[in-house]
C-alpha atoms as a PDB file:
ATOM      1  CA  MET A   1      57.433 112.729  73.989  1.00  0.00           C
ATOM      2  CA  SER A   2      54.184 111.686  74.993  1.00  0.00           C
ATOM      3  CA  ASN A   3      51.668 114.500  76.279  1.00  0.00           C
ATOM      4  CA  THR A   4      49.741 112.238  78.391  1.00  0.00           C
ATOM      5  CA  THR A   5      53.075 111.346  80.494  1.00  0.00           C
ATOM      6  CA  VAL A   6      52.109 112.469  84.002  1.00  0.00           C
ATOM      7  CA  ASN A   7      54.665 113.754  86.586  1.00  0.00           C
ATOM      8  CA  HIS A   8      54.053 113.008  90.079  1.00  0.00           C
ATOM      9  CA  GLN A   9      55.721 115.207  92.614  1.00  0.00           C
ATOM     10  CA  PHE A  10      56.046 115.689  96.254  1.00  0.00           C
ATOM     11  CA  LYS A  11      56.202 119.732  97.050  1.00  0.00           C
ATOM     12  CA  LEU A  12      56.425 121.487 100.207  1.00  0.00           C
ATOM     13  CA  ALA A  13      52.925 122.177 101.717  1.00  0.00           C
ATOM     14  CA  ALA A  14      53.819 123.490 105.369  1.00  0.00           C
ATOM     15  CA  ARG A  15      57.046 124.396 107.199  1.00  0.00           C
ATOM     16  CA  PRO A  16      57.541 121.541 109.554  1.00  0.00           C
ATOM     17  CA  VAL A  17      57.341 122.155 113.577  1.00  0.00           C
ATOM     18  CA  GLY A  18      58.882 119.151 114.929  1.00  0.00           C
ATOM     19  CA  PRO A  19      58.774 115.663 113.459  1.00  0.00           C
ATOM     20  CA  VAL A  20      57.613 116.253 109.417  1.00  0.00           C
ATOM     21  CA  LYS A  21      54.167 115.346 108.870  1.00  0.00           C
ATOM     22  CA  VAL A  22      52.043 114.148 106.096  1.00  0.00           C
ATOM     23  CA  SER A  23      50.200 117.222 105.851  1.00  0.00           C
ATOM     24  CA  ASP A  24      53.319 119.235 105.242  1.00  0.00           C
ATOM     25  CA  TRP A  25      53.426 117.624 101.934  1.00  0.00           C
ATOM     26  CA  ASN A  26      51.451 118.032  99.201  1.00  0.00           C
ATOM     27  CA  HIS A  27      51.551 115.007  96.589  1.00  0.00           C
ATOM     28  CA  THR A  28      50.651 116.406  93.287  1.00  0.00           C
ATOM     29  CA  GLN A  29      50.641 115.817  89.343  1.00  0.00           C
ATOM     30  CA  GLU A  30      51.144 117.072  86.279  1.00  0.00           C
ATOM     31  CA  PRO A  31      51.577 116.547  82.410  1.00  0.00           C
ATOM     32  CA  LEU A  32      54.968 116.046  81.328  1.00  0.00           C
ATOM     33  CA  ARG A  33      56.065 118.724  78.518  1.00  0.00           C
ATOM     34  CA  ASP A  34      59.022 118.587  75.957  1.00  0.00           C
ATOM     35  CA  PRO A  35      62.188 119.842  76.876  1.00  0.00           C
ATOM     36  CA  ALA A  36      63.091 123.713  75.935  1.00  0.00           C
ATOM     37  CA  GLU A  37      66.025 124.881  74.157  1.00  0.00           C
ATOM     38  CA  GLY A  38      69.154 123.789  76.225  1.00  0.00           C
ATOM     39  CA  GLU A  39      67.022 121.590  78.527  1.00  0.00           C
ATOM     40  CA  VAL A  40      67.203 117.745  79.420  1.00  0.00           C
ATOM     41  CA  VAL A  41      64.262 115.708  80.551  1.00  0.00           C
ATOM     42  CA  ILE A  42      65.323 113.565  83.365  1.00  0.00           C
ATOM     43  CA  GLN A  43      63.519 110.397  84.629  1.00  0.00           C
ATOM     44  CA  VAL A  44      64.300 110.260  88.236  1.00  0.00           C
ATOM     45  CA  LEU A  45      65.319 106.425  88.999  1.00  0.00           C
ATOM     46  CA  TYR A  46      66.304 106.778  92.507  1.00  0.00           C
ATOM     47  CA  ILE A  47      66.427 109.154  94.847  1.00  0.00           C
ATOM     48  CA  SER A  48      68.457 109.756  98.176  1.00  0.00           C
ATOM     49  CA  LEU A  49      66.877 110.326 101.455  1.00  0.00           C
ATOM     50  CA  ASP A  50      69.365 112.141 103.580  1.00  0.00           C
ATOM     51  CA  PRO A  51      68.802 114.023 107.028  1.00  0.00           C
ATOM     52  CA  ALA A  52      70.160 117.299 105.683  1.00  0.00           C
ATOM     53  CA  MET A  53      66.645 117.649 103.567  1.00  0.00           C
ATOM     54  CA  ARG A  54      64.909 118.220 107.146  1.00  0.00           C
ATOM     55  CA  GLY A  55      67.317 121.146 107.283  1.00  0.00           C
ATOM     56  CA  TRP A  56      66.021 122.692 104.004  1.00  0.00           C
ATOM     57  CA  MET A  57      62.587 122.258 104.864  1.00  0.00           C
ATOM     58  CA  ASN A  58      63.125 125.123 107.344  1.00  0.00           C
ATOM     59  CA  ASP A  59      63.035 128.746 106.719  1.00  0.00           C
ATOM     60  CA  SER A  60      66.059 129.877 108.273  1.00  0.00           C
ATOM     61  CA  LYS A  61      68.939 132.082 106.944  1.00  0.00           C
ATOM     62  CA  ALA A  62      71.507 130.078 109.218  1.00  0.00           C
ATOM     63  CA  SER A  63      71.932 127.564 106.565  1.00  0.00           C
ATOM     64  CA  TYR A  64      74.696 126.898 103.950  1.00  0.00           C
ATOM     65  CA  ILE A  65      71.902 126.767 101.509  1.00  0.00           C
ATOM     66  CA  PRO A  66      68.255 128.420 100.948  1.00  0.00           C
ATOM     67  CA  PRO A  67      65.514 126.663 101.867  1.00  0.00           C
ATOM     68  CA  VAL A  68      62.864 124.974  99.916  1.00  0.00           C
ATOM     69  CA  GLY A  69      60.097 127.416  99.064  1.00  0.00           C
ATOM     70  CA  LEU A  70      56.563 126.375  99.622  1.00  0.00           C
ATOM     71  CA  GLY A  71      55.045 125.040  96.944  1.00  0.00           C
ATOM     72  CA  GLU A  72      58.322 123.857  95.354  1.00  0.00           C
ATOM     73  CA  VAL A  73      59.315 120.087  94.568  1.00  0.00           C
ATOM     74  CA  MET A  74      61.120 118.876  97.563  1.00  0.00           C
ATOM     75  CA  ARG A  75      65.375 119.151  96.982  1.00  0.00           C
ATOM     76  CA  ALA A  76      66.470 115.886  96.955  1.00  0.00           C
ATOM     77  CA  LEU A  77      69.814 114.322  95.163  1.00  0.00           C
ATOM     78  CA  ALA A  78      68.930 111.555  92.755  1.00  0.00           C
ATOM     79  CA  VAL A  79      70.028 109.577  89.962  1.00  0.00           C
ATOM     80  CA  GLY A  80      68.096 109.194  86.401  1.00  0.00           C
ATOM     81  CA  ARG A  81      68.239 108.654  83.133  1.00  0.00           C
ATOM     82  CA  VAL A  82      67.913 111.404  80.357  1.00  0.00           C
ATOM     83  CA  THR A  83      64.744 110.808  78.214  1.00  0.00           C
ATOM     84  CA  ALA A  84      64.636 113.706  75.991  1.00  0.00           C
ATOM     85  CA  SER A  85      67.680 116.161  75.434  1.00  0.00           C
ATOM     86  CA  LYS A  86      67.882 119.770  73.677  1.00  0.00           C
ATOM     87  CA  ASN A  87      71.241 119.878  75.002  1.00  0.00           C
ATOM     88  CA  PRO A  88      74.343 119.144  73.403  1.00  0.00           C
ATOM     89  CA  LYS A  89      76.197 117.589  76.417  1.00  0.00           C
ATOM     90  CA  PHE A  90      73.421 114.871  77.302  1.00  0.00           C
ATOM     91  CA  ALA A  91      72.423 112.370  74.813  1.00  0.00           C
ATOM     92  CA  VAL A  92      69.097 110.314  75.418  1.00  0.00           C
ATOM     93  CA  GLY A  93      69.817 107.314  77.684  1.00  0.00           C
ATOM     94  CA  ASP A  94      72.717 109.036  79.538  1.00  0.00           C
ATOM     95  CA  HIS A  95      72.482 108.593  83.239  1.00  0.00           C
ATOM     96  CA  VAL A  96      72.896 111.544  85.367  1.00  0.00           C
ATOM     97  CA  THR A  97      72.835 112.399  89.131  1.00  0.00           C
ATOM     98  CA  GLY A  98      72.407 116.038  90.432  1.00  0.00           C
ATOM     99  CA  LEU A  99      69.507 117.732  92.633  1.00  0.00           C
ATOM    100  CA  LEU A 100      66.542 116.355  90.552  1.00  0.00           C
ATOM    101  CA  GLY A 101      64.002 116.425  93.255  1.00  0.00           C
ATOM    102  CA  VAL A 102      61.242 114.353  94.830  1.00  0.00           C
ATOM    103  CA  GLN A 103      59.398 113.441  91.340  1.00  0.00           C
ATOM    104  CA  ASP A 104      59.022 111.197  88.541  1.00  0.00           C
ATOM    105  CA  TYR A 105      60.750 113.763  86.255  1.00  0.00           C
ATOM    106  CA  ALA A 106      63.006 116.353  86.127  1.00  0.00           C
ATOM    107  CA  TYR A 107      63.822 119.485  83.728  1.00  0.00           C
ATOM    108  CA  SER A 108      67.645 120.625  83.697  1.00  0.00           C
ATOM    109  CA  ASN A 109      69.796 123.116  81.551  1.00  0.00           C
ATOM    110  CA  GLY A 110      72.551 120.638  82.441  1.00  0.00           C
ATOM    111  CA  GLN A 111      73.986 122.489  85.403  1.00  0.00           C
ATOM    112  CA  GLY A 112      74.803 120.423  88.484  1.00  0.00           C
ATOM    113  CA  LEU A 113      74.123 117.592  86.286  1.00  0.00           C
ATOM    114  CA  THR A 114      76.888 114.655  86.512  1.00  0.00           C
ATOM    115  CA  LYS A 115      76.961 111.489  84.223  1.00  0.00           C
ATOM    116  CA  VAL A 116      77.529 108.312  85.957  1.00  0.00           C
ATOM    117  CA  ASP A 117      78.116 104.457  84.531  1.00  0.00           C
ATOM    118  CA  PRO A 118      75.715 101.604  85.506  1.00  0.00           C
ATOM    119  CA  LYS A 119      78.224  99.513  84.392  1.00  0.00           C
ATOM    120  CA  LEU A 120      80.830 100.492  86.737  1.00  0.00           C
ATOM    121  CA  ALA A 121      78.748 100.185  89.844  1.00  0.00           C
ATOM    122  CA  PRO A 122      75.085  99.909  90.654  1.00  0.00           C
ATOM    123  CA  LEU A 123      73.124 103.470  90.320  1.00  0.00           C
ATOM    124  CA  PRO A 124      72.135 103.334  93.855  1.00  0.00           C
ATOM    125  CA  VAL A 125      75.755 103.654  95.143  1.00  0.00           C
ATOM    126  CA  TYR A 126      76.552 107.010  93.029  1.00  0.00           C
ATOM    127  CA  LEU A 127      73.891 107.880  95.870  1.00  0.00           C
ATOM    128  CA  SER A 128      75.901 106.415  98.835  1.00  0.00           C
ATOM    129  CA  THR A 129      79.200 105.791  98.744  1.00  0.00           C
ATOM    130  CA  LEU A 130      80.295 107.370  95.353  1.00  0.00           C
ATOM    131  CA  GLY A 131      77.835 110.028  96.190  1.00  0.00           C
ATOM    132  CA  MET A 132      77.535 112.961  98.638  1.00  0.00           C
ATOM    133  CA  PRO A 133      77.603 111.000 101.744  1.00  0.00           C
ATOM    134  CA  GLY A 134      80.857 108.987 100.509  1.00  0.00           C
ATOM    135  CA  MET A 135      82.244 112.447  99.696  1.00  0.00           C
ATOM    136  CA  THR A 136      81.497 114.017 103.191  1.00  0.00           C
ATOM    137  CA  ALA A 137      83.072 111.071 104.821  1.00  0.00           C
ATOM    138  CA  TYR A 138      86.004 111.156 102.633  1.00  0.00           C
ATOM    139  CA  PHE A 139      86.781 114.790 102.868  1.00  0.00           C
ATOM    140  CA  GLY A 140      85.454 115.316 106.168  1.00  0.00           C
ATOM    141  CA  LEU A 141      87.942 112.951 107.763  1.00  0.00           C
ATOM    142  CA  LEU A 142      90.745 112.998 105.528  1.00  0.00           C
ATOM    143  CA  GLU A 143      90.722 116.872 105.200  1.00  0.00           C
ATOM    144  CA  VAL A 144      89.569 117.928 108.490  1.00  0.00           C
ATOM    145  CA  GLY A 145      89.687 115.344 111.049  1.00  0.00           C
ATOM    146  CA  GLN A 146      93.204 114.259 109.481  1.00  0.00           C
ATOM    147  CA  PRO A 147      93.668 110.828 111.177  1.00  0.00           C
ATOM    148  CA  LYS A 148      97.014 109.441 111.628  1.00  0.00           C
ATOM    149  CA  ALA A 149      98.363 105.814 112.161  1.00  0.00           C
ATOM    150  CA  GLY A 150      97.339 104.660 115.636  1.00  0.00           C
ATOM    151  CA  ASP A 151      94.778 107.532 116.363  1.00  0.00           C
ATOM    152  CA  THR A 152      91.661 106.289 118.102  1.00  0.00           C
ATOM    153  CA  VAL A 153      88.621 107.473 115.686  1.00  0.00           C
ATOM    154  CA  VAL A 154      85.080 107.926 117.283  1.00  0.00           C
ATOM    155  CA  VAL A 155      82.120 108.262 114.704  1.00  0.00           C
ATOM    156  CA  SER A 156      78.409 108.770 115.840  1.00  0.00           C
ATOM    157  CA  GLY A 157      75.630 107.759 113.679  1.00  0.00           C
ATOM    158  CA  ALA A 158      78.362 104.874 112.547  1.00  0.00           C
ATOM    159  CA  ALA A 159      75.759 102.828 110.655  1.00  0.00           C
ATOM    160  CA  GLY A 160      74.362 105.454 108.562  1.00  0.00           C
ATOM    161  CA  ALA A 161      75.764 106.307 104.879  1.00  0.00           C
ATOM    162  CA  VAL A 162      78.260 108.907 106.098  1.00  0.00           C
ATOM    163  CA  GLY A 163      79.252 107.115 109.476  1.00  0.00           C
ATOM    164  CA  ALA A 164      79.665 103.771 107.776  1.00  0.00           C
ATOM    165  CA  VAL A 165      82.125 105.252 105.430  1.00  0.00           C
ATOM    166  CA  VAL A 166      84.007 107.225 107.776  1.00  0.00           C
ATOM    167  CA  GLY A 167      84.789 104.530 109.798  1.00  0.00           C
ATOM    168  CA  GLN A 168      86.133 102.110 107.012  1.00  0.00           C
ATOM    169  CA  ILE A 169      88.493 104.987 105.895  1.00  0.00           C
ATOM    170  CA  ALA A 170      89.603 105.472 109.229  1.00  0.00           C
ATOM    171  CA  LYS A 171      90.242 101.758 109.390  1.00  0.00           C
ATOM    172  CA  ILE A 172      92.210 101.920 105.903  1.00  0.00           C
ATOM    173  CA  LYS A 173      94.257 104.708 107.452  1.00  0.00           C
ATOM    174  CA  GLY A 174      95.234 102.811 110.415  1.00  0.00           C
ATOM    175  CA  ALA A 175      93.203 104.238 112.899  1.00  0.00           C
ATOM    176  CA  ARG A 176      91.579 102.241 115.741  1.00  0.00           C
ATOM    177  CA  VAL A 177      88.059 103.028 115.099  1.00  0.00           C
ATOM    178  CA  ILE A 178      84.791 103.219 117.876  1.00  0.00           C
ATOM    179  CA  GLY A 179      81.437 103.863 116.406  1.00  0.00           C
ATOM    180  CA  ILE A 180      78.619 104.581 118.042  1.00  0.00           C
ATOM    181  CA  ALA A 181      74.821 103.800 116.844  1.00  0.00           C
ATOM    182  CA  GLY A 182      71.672 102.731 118.187  1.00  0.00           C
ATOM    183  CA  GLY A 183      70.632  98.984 118.686  1.00  0.00           C
ATOM    184  CA  ALA A 184      72.792  95.791 118.928  1.00  0.00           C
ATOM    185  CA  ASP A 185      72.053  94.619 115.374  1.00  0.00           C
ATOM    186  CA  LYS A 186      73.703  97.797 114.108  1.00  0.00           C
ATOM    187  CA  CYS A 187      76.578  97.664 116.531  1.00  0.00           C
ATOM    188  CA  ARG A 188      77.177  93.834 115.672  1.00  0.00           C
ATOM    189  CA  TYR A 189      77.239  95.211 111.764  1.00  0.00           C
ATOM    190  CA  LEU A 190      79.845  97.692 112.347  1.00  0.00           C
ATOM    191  CA  VAL A 191      82.236  95.505 114.358  1.00  0.00           C
ATOM    192  CA  GLU A 192      81.636  91.832 112.305  1.00  0.00           C
ATOM    193  CA  GLU A 193      81.046  93.225 108.923  1.00  0.00           C
ATOM    194  CA  LEU A 194      82.579  96.335 108.816  1.00  0.00           C
ATOM    195  CA  GLY A 195      85.694  95.642 110.801  1.00  0.00           C
ATOM    196  CA  PHE A 196      85.277  98.432 113.488  1.00  0.00           C
ATOM    197  CA  ASP A 197      87.759  97.700 116.740  1.00  0.00           C
ATOM    198  CA  ALA A 198      84.415  98.306 119.075  1.00  0.00           C
ATOM    199  CA  ALA A 199      80.860  99.806 118.839  1.00  0.00           C
ATOM    200  CA  ILE A 200      78.848 101.264 121.752  1.00  0.00           C
ATOM    201  CA  ASP A 201      74.793 100.994 121.676  1.00  0.00           C
ATOM    202  CA  TYR A 202      73.610 104.516 122.953  1.00  0.00           C
ATOM    203  CA  LYS A 203      70.359 103.062 123.216  1.00  0.00           C
ATOM    204  CA  SER A 204      71.510 100.646 126.062  1.00  0.00           C
ATOM    205  CA  GLU A 205      74.723 101.794 127.391  1.00  0.00           C
ATOM    206  CA  ASP A 206      75.960 104.981 129.192  1.00  0.00           C
ATOM    207  CA  VAL A 207      78.303 106.721 125.922  1.00  0.00           C
ATOM    208  CA  ALA A 208      80.578 108.027 128.520  1.00  0.00           C
ATOM    209  CA  ALA A 209      81.273 105.139 130.432  1.00  0.00           C
ATOM    210  CA  ALA A 210      81.679 102.999 127.230  1.00  0.00           C
ATOM    211  CA  LEU A 211      84.079 105.836 125.787  1.00  0.00           C
ATOM    212  CA  ALA A 212      86.267 105.585 129.195  1.00  0.00           C
ATOM    213  CA  LYS A 213      86.616 101.956 128.513  1.00  0.00           C
ATOM    214  CA  HIS A 214      87.183 101.621 124.680  1.00  0.00           C
ATOM    215  CA  ALA A 215      89.300 104.912 124.333  1.00  0.00           C
ATOM    216  CA  PRO A 216      91.406 105.219 127.893  1.00  0.00           C
ATOM    217  CA  GLN A 217      94.028 107.161 126.090  1.00  0.00           C
ATOM    218  CA  GLY A 218      91.219 109.432 124.660  1.00  0.00           C
ATOM    219  CA  VAL A 219      89.608 110.530 121.356  1.00  0.00           C
ATOM    220  CA  ASN A 220      92.101 111.896 118.940  1.00  0.00           C
ATOM    221  CA  VAL A 221      89.512 112.176 115.953  1.00  0.00           C
ATOM    222  CA  TYR A 222      85.682 112.480 116.866  1.00  0.00           C
ATOM    223  CA  PHE A 223      83.390 112.983 113.652  1.00  0.00           C
ATOM    224  CA  ASP A 224      79.668 113.649 115.027  1.00  0.00           C
ATOM    225  CA  ASN A 225      76.728 113.090 112.911  1.00  0.00           C
ATOM    226  CA  VAL A 226      74.551 113.354 115.830  1.00  0.00           C
ATOM    227  CA  GLY A 227      75.273 116.338 118.197  1.00  0.00           C
ATOM    228  CA  GLY A 228      73.157 116.649 121.542  1.00  0.00           C
ATOM    229  CA  ASP A 229      74.084 114.518 124.563  1.00  0.00           C
ATOM    230  CA  ILE A 230      76.587 112.118 122.542  1.00  0.00           C
ATOM    231  CA  LEU A 231      78.537 115.155 121.338  1.00  0.00           C
ATOM    232  CA  ASP A 232      78.913 116.303 124.905  1.00  0.00           C
ATOM    233  CA  ALA A 233      79.669 112.962 126.076  1.00  0.00           C
ATOM    234  CA  VAL A 234      82.601 112.753 123.530  1.00  0.00           C
ATOM    235  CA  LEU A 235      84.019 116.285 124.673  1.00  0.00           C
ATOM    236  CA  THR A 236      84.850 114.406 128.231  1.00  0.00           C
ATOM    237  CA  ARG A 237      86.777 111.917 126.661  1.00  0.00           C
ATOM    238  CA  LEU A 238      89.100 114.210 124.343  1.00  0.00           C
ATOM    239  CA  ALA A 239      92.852 113.428 123.702  1.00  0.00           C
ATOM    240  CA  ARG A 240      95.265 116.462 123.598  1.00  0.00           C
ATOM    241  CA  GLY A 241      95.089 118.103 120.448  1.00  0.00           C
ATOM    242  CA  ALA A 242      92.046 116.200 119.433  1.00  0.00           C
ATOM    243  CA  ARG A 243      89.818 117.152 116.212  1.00  0.00           C
ATOM    244  CA  ILE A 244      86.052 117.369 116.226  1.00  0.00           C
ATOM    245  CA  VAL A 245      84.363 117.140 112.832  1.00  0.00           C
ATOM    246  CA  ILE A 246      80.994 118.532 112.897  1.00  0.00           C
ATOM    247  CA  CYS A 247      79.009 117.182 110.021  1.00  0.00           C
ATOM    248  CA  GLY A 248      75.243 116.930 111.371  1.00  0.00           C
ATOM    249  CA  ALA A 249      73.016 116.943 114.366  1.00  0.00           C
ATOM    250  CA  ILE A 250      70.409 114.591 113.494  1.00  0.00           C
ATOM    251  CA  SER A 251      69.284 114.315 117.122  1.00  0.00           C
ATOM    252  CA  GLN A 252      68.624 118.190 116.928  1.00  0.00           C
ATOM    253  CA  TYR A 253      66.736 118.729 113.679  1.00  0.00           C
ATOM    254  CA  ASN A 254      62.803 117.726 114.838  1.00  0.00           C
ATOM    255  CA  ASN A 255      63.276 119.903 118.163  1.00  0.00           C
ATOM    256  CA  THR A 256      60.726 122.316 118.617  1.00  0.00           C
ATOM    257  CA  THR A 257      62.969 124.010 121.327  1.00  0.00           C
ATOM    258  CA  PRO A 258      66.437 125.598 120.411  1.00  0.00           C
ATOM    259  CA  VAL A 259      69.326 123.402 119.143  1.00  0.00           C
ATOM    260  CA  LYS A 260      70.975 122.202 122.309  1.00  0.00           C
ATOM    261  CA  GLY A 261      74.978 123.496 122.168  1.00  0.00           C
ATOM    262  CA  PRO A 262      77.554 121.496 123.565  1.00  0.00           C
ATOM    263  CA  ALA A 263      77.952 122.063 127.349  1.00  0.00           C
ATOM    264  CA  ASN A 264      81.341 120.772 127.670  1.00  0.00           C
ATOM    265  CA  TYR A 265      82.853 122.879 125.291  1.00  0.00           C
ATOM    266  CA  LEU A 266      85.654 124.143 127.425  1.00  0.00           C
ATOM    267  CA  SER A 267      86.965 120.411 127.036  1.00  0.00           C
ATOM    268  CA  LEU A 268      88.676 122.032 123.697  1.00  0.00           C
ATOM    269  CA  LEU A 269      90.554 124.847 125.644  1.00  0.00           C
ATOM    270  CA  VAL A 270      91.593 121.953 128.210  1.00  0.00           C
ATOM    271  CA  THR A 271      92.788 119.890 125.359  1.00  0.00           C
ATOM    272  CA  ARG A 272      93.972 122.243 123.107  1.00  0.00           C
ATOM    273  CA  SER A 273      91.351 120.999 120.337  1.00  0.00           C
ATOM    274  CA  THR A 274      89.373 122.285 117.422  1.00  0.00           C
ATOM    275  CA  MET A 275      85.820 121.893 116.241  1.00  0.00           C
ATOM    276  CA  THR A 276      85.573 122.153 112.596  1.00  0.00           C
ATOM    277  CA  GLY A 277      82.139 121.897 110.380  1.00  0.00           C
ATOM    278  CA  ILE A 278      82.143 120.231 107.352  1.00  0.00           C
ATOM    279  CA  VAL A 279      79.887 121.060 103.969  1.00  0.00           C
ATOM    280  CA  VAL A 280      80.793 118.528 101.064  1.00  0.00           C
ATOM    281  CA  SER A 281      80.065 121.256  98.465  1.00  0.00           C
ATOM    282  CA  ASP A 282      83.205 122.910  99.299  1.00  0.00           C
ATOM    283  CA  TYR A 283      84.862 120.027  98.070  1.00  0.00           C
ATOM    284  CA  TYR A 284      83.010 119.665  94.908  1.00  0.00           C
ATOM    285  CA  ASP A 285      85.874 120.522  92.330  1.00  0.00           C
ATOM    286  CA  ARG A 286      87.854 117.547  93.808  1.00  0.00           C
ATOM    287  CA  ALA A 287      84.863 115.134  93.694  1.00  0.00           C
ATOM    288  CA  MET A 288      86.526 113.106  90.827  1.00  0.00           C
ATOM    289  CA  GLU A 289      89.425 112.409  92.978  1.00  0.00           C
ATOM    290  CA  ALA A 290      87.790 110.975  95.699  1.00  0.00           C
ATOM    291  CA  ALA A 291      85.411 109.039  93.629  1.00  0.00           C
ATOM    292  CA  MET A 292      88.482 107.139  91.826  1.00  0.00           C
ATOM    293  CA  VAL A 293      90.054 106.654  95.197  1.00  0.00           C
ATOM    294  CA  MET A 294      86.876 104.950  96.892  1.00  0.00           C
ATOM    295  CA  ALA A 295      85.806 103.266  93.743  1.00  0.00           C
ATOM    296  CA  GLY A 296      89.658 101.751  93.984  1.00  0.00           C
ATOM    297  CA  TRP A 297      88.890 100.799  97.619  1.00  0.00           C
ATOM    298  CA  ILE A 298      85.618  99.148  96.908  1.00  0.00           C
ATOM    299  CA  ALA A 299      87.039  97.164  93.905  1.00  0.00           C
ATOM    300  CA  SER A 300      89.727  95.889  96.363  1.00  0.00           C
ATOM    301  CA  GLY A 301      87.324  94.923  99.305  1.00  0.00           C
ATOM    302  CA  LYS A 302      88.525  97.545 101.782  1.00  0.00           C
ATOM    303  CA  LEU A 303      85.312  99.569 101.395  1.00  0.00           C
ATOM    304  CA  LYS A 304      82.117  98.291 101.611  1.00  0.00           C
ATOM    305  CA  THR A 305      78.708  99.505 100.953  1.00  0.00           C
ATOM    306  CA  ARG A 306      75.089  98.981 101.875  1.00  0.00           C
ATOM    307  CA  GLU A 307      72.203 100.612 100.463  1.00  0.00           C
ATOM    308  CA  ASP A 308      68.477 100.093 102.027  1.00  0.00           C
ATOM    309  CA  VAL A 309      66.094 100.468  99.005  1.00  0.00           C
ATOM    310  CA  VAL A 310      62.545 101.232  99.678  1.00  0.00           C
ATOM    311  CA  GLU A 311      60.433 100.987  96.273  1.00  0.00           C
ATOM    312  CA  GLY A 312      57.371 103.651  95.273  1.00  0.00           C
ATOM    313  CA  LEU A 313      57.186 107.474  95.082  1.00  0.00           C
ATOM    314  CA  ASP A 314      54.238 107.097  96.932  1.00  0.00           C
ATOM    315  CA  ASN A 315      55.958 105.797  99.891  1.00  0.00           C
ATOM    316  CA  PHE A 316      58.121 109.044 100.109  1.00  0.00           C
ATOM    317  CA  PRO A 317      56.964 110.512 103.547  1.00  0.00           C
ATOM    318  CA  LYS A 318      57.116 106.953 105.401  1.00  0.00           C
ATOM    319  CA  ALA A 319      60.703 106.471 103.937  1.00  0.00           C
ATOM    320  CA  PHE A 320      61.571 110.200 104.910  1.00  0.00           C
ATOM    321  CA  ASP A 321      60.537 109.425 108.640  1.00  0.00           C
ATOM    322  CA  MET A 322      62.738 106.164 108.718  1.00  0.00           C
ATOM    323  CA  LEU A 323      65.827 108.956 108.754  1.00  0.00           C
ATOM    324  CA  PHE A 324      64.557 110.122 112.134  1.00  0.00           C
ATOM    325  CA  THR A 325      63.703 106.564 113.808  1.00  0.00           C
ATOM    326  CA  GLY A 326      66.902 104.425 112.608  1.00  0.00           C
ATOM    327  CA  ALA A 327      64.800 102.139 110.840  1.00  0.00           C
ATOM    328  CA  ASN A 328      67.116 102.052 107.590  1.00  0.00           C
ATOM    329  CA  ASN A 329      69.937  99.806 107.585  1.00  0.00           C
ATOM    330  CA  GLY A 330      72.482 101.437 105.133  1.00  0.00           C
ATOM    331  CA  LYS A 331      72.097 104.090 102.760  1.00  0.00           C
ATOM    332  CA  LEU A 332      68.330 105.015 102.770  1.00  0.00           C
ATOM    333  CA  VAL A 333      67.147 105.087  98.828  1.00  0.00           C
ATOM    334  CA  LEU A 334      63.764 105.598  97.546  1.00  0.00           C
ATOM    335  CA  LYS A 335      63.676 103.594  94.041  1.00  0.00           C
ATOM    336  CA  LEU A 336      60.984 104.850  91.535  1.00  0.00           C
ATOM    337  CA  ALA A 337      61.805 102.604  87.949  1.00  0.00           C
ATOM    338  CA  ALA A 338      64.378  99.965  87.097  1.00  0.00           C
ATOM    339  CA  ALA A 339      67.441 101.367  85.547  1.00  0.00           C
END
């Protein structure tokens, strides 16, 4: 490898308080070295931008994964191409996905890397429907939510990477699906392109009143990506024996005050309902199962995937902010180089 190649990186400079600021990042560069014995060097091609990354920046023990350390490269899922290898399991030219970080190049001993085939699906799809968001949707809905044909399924953040897949899988399973999203364009996308039965614009509608209209018999499954006031509204509309899947709480991630808990949680008692969290890493040993099923749905046209691609590592801070303003349409991905 050329010792003149430079690796540009975004490192965590400070623990954010509220929304992430440009000063919370340190944009650095260092020369690229050859791989050590057992290592591979991976050129990062696409980086997945996910709301969970905001939680990884906090120095909190109340998390399913250790925080990113100050001065460390920001953790991120990505897909890339092996450019140098001293690991017999990986050859130069292999495409792989894993926690490669926000940088041009990553070093790996091979642990946590998965080979992917760009001939079977475009590389960004391995970060969306065939990646962590899709796996979260698949196992969270089917294993935790357990929808049955005829159930009413409600999903918040419905136009996002996880929510859009949740709603489509619920339709495939014969459920009636109501999506909650921000803005008329996103709501139109859910109904007209993804086949949702109804969509609620939380920016212009009273969510509780809209749920009463669209789910008069109550909500059987609620897949929650946002938390806060929307979770509270859905809690007032539960059917008996409802299942609530707690996937995320993006409305709370930039809070400077404690996370707002559900005020209406006693609805769980009254309706004999459950509220259960989903962390996708619990299902990684079954990832191939989900990938095969969803790839089949994509091929048959039952499952649609949409990626919102922003180009250039320099645009990482601005693109990351899009997650919290709702500016993205589809799975947000940062493109660093062509495949």
